[in-house]
Amino acid sequence: MKLLRIGAPGAETPAVLDGDGRMFALTGLTEDIDGAFLASGGIDRVRQALAEGLLPPVEETGQRTGAPVARPGKVVCVGLNYRDHAEETGAPVPKRPVIFMKDPSTVVGPDDRVLIPRGSVKTDWEVELAVVIGREARYLADPAAAAECIAGCAISNDVSEREFQLEHSPQWDLGKSCETFNPMGPGDVINTGTPAGVALGLPGTPYLREGDTVELSIDGLGTQRQTFVNA
C-alpha cells in the first residue's frame, strides 16, 4: 500500500495505491495526508477501508503526483551517513551524526521540475531514503520504540548546490534549501543521507545543467524523475 497526493500544486487530493497498482480516493477519509492524519491512526483507517472495498477508484488520467506528505513540520537531514559517500568527498567519517535542517518549503513532487538557482555552477543530486514520522516522539527508550513512530518511507532527492554549501558559508543550509531542492515521493521527514555516487565525489562528472534529468529509485518504493531548469 502506498499513500500519495495527486493534483495541481496546492490543490492535491489524497489517494492510495493497492498492491496491484490500483488507485483509490481517500477524500472520504481525510482532507489531506498530513501530520494530523498520521498521528490519529489514519494509515490504519486507510488499510481497513481498502480491505473492505469501501474506497472509490480513481481513473489513471496522468495527473501530477505531489509530495506524499503535506506541509511537513520540518525536514531533518543526516550528513555523511554513508562511509563511501564520506570517502568519495574526502571528508572524515564523523564520530557522531552530522545533523542539519532543510527548509520544508523545498519539498515538491517526485516528478516536478527542479529550479537551478541563478549563479549556480555546482547543483548536485543525492538519492536518499526518507523516513516519515507518524507521531510525536521524544527521548525514546530504544530503537524499537523509534520504529513504532515511523509512518512510512519515501524516496528523496536532497538536491545540493555545492558552491553555496561548501564555499560560500560555514554551514550547509545555504546550499541545501534553495527553492524546490527536495523532491520527495512514493509529519516530519528524516532524510537519511546518500551513499556514494554524487557529482562532488566523481571527478570529471559534470554538475547539473538546464535540461538534465535525474532518475532516482529505491527497491520497494519505486522511481521518481526530475528535469532541471534555470530559475
Foldseek 3Di string as FASTA:
>chain_A
DFWWWWADVPQTFIWDADPVRWIFGCVVPDRAAELVCLQVCNVVVVVVCVVVVNTHTDDPDPTAIWARYPPAVWEKEWELLAVQACVLLVHDRDPDTDIDTEPSQLEIAQAEAAADEPPFFAWKKFKFKKWAFRHDDDPDDDVVRVVVRTPDIKIKIQIFRCCLQPPVDPHGHRGRHDHNRIYIDLNYMYTYTGHDDMPSRDPPDGHDDQQDKDWYDDPPSGIGMYGYHHD
